[in-house]
């Protein structure tokens, strides 16, 4: 296997160090591993970074998406407008609350965000919410979607898994869920965060993440409460102290890492646009982004699997973001006949290249050279 440094160039690499190890050891030595003071501090700092008053930490973005819908009262008989170009958790969460997803096409292959025009066509009085997803970290037009939601008197929910600490993400919607999975711009291994502009909705999310209980174990241990009530149906979606400690370290570097990702994305764009003209890059260079992914569109005539195999032989890991949800076996059976021509055209050509802060310019040159050779092969 040939690589520039004799090492595999991975699609994504979590940036960890001794400070993370120390933070985890400090939690273990404290003897308090469950949801406690570190979780509260992590919530506070994440909220501050995003310009909001508060946030709720959860054990995954999927849990966060579920809680957003539940706290907003979405349920059986309701419909939710959703993209098919997203990770399956976005749509799964709609089913968790007993609602029905309505699949919406993307704008076009160079702007693969959920389309307001198609959403207008598919809107009905049963629609109670719309999910927007910041694909690859590229921020959707939140003001336009806020106007759409307000005009139809429905909720606007952000799947912000790809877009922490960028633009107005988390501030314009009724609720937003973020991801700290291993491949994200910052990681707690597993984990997520939820924000909501209505304090009562955020309070509901906070209770529901922990079985609907009115007090937590730490409150009772400190003598702030002696018992608890259960006021709503809840779930075990809590974040633990280990993940919160890791998140506090990662959060300090998030803005710097986002900046580096944007620089590397720009370098990719410069090389591809000048030397691999058969490959297209979604979005414009000036588009506001956290640069979570480096998606490209290979030529229609190219065999994507062959291209990926050739890159793998050269020590370069790639992926596909994403196979369209409406074409998964489960969803085809449950919601037959869905056709999203623009989404399908995009997904048939999309290829995700490595992007993370540990990459060098030489790594990117090598990836681009290998991509060009693989396409011509």
Foldseek 3Di string as FASTA:
>chain_A
DAAPVPAFQEQFAADDDVQLVVLLVVCVVVVAWFDDDLQQVLQCVLCVLLVHRTKHKWQALLLQLLLLCVLVPQAAQAEEEEELLAPCSNQVSCVVRNYHYDYAFAPFLQGGWGDPVRCVVPDDLRYAEYETECPQFFDDPLVVVLVVCVVSVHFYEYACQAHRSWDNPQPSGQKYKYWQDRRHLHHLNHIIMMHGPDVSSNVSSNCQCCQQWPDDPHCCVVVVDVDIDRDDGHDPTGDISSSSSSSVVRVVCSVVFLVLLLVVLVLLCVCCVVPVVQKAFHDDNPGTGSSSWGKIFHHPPFDVVQLQVQVVVNSWHKDFSPPGNCPPPVNCVVPNDDDHPRRVVNRSGIMIGRTGNVDDSVNSVRSSVSSSVSRVD
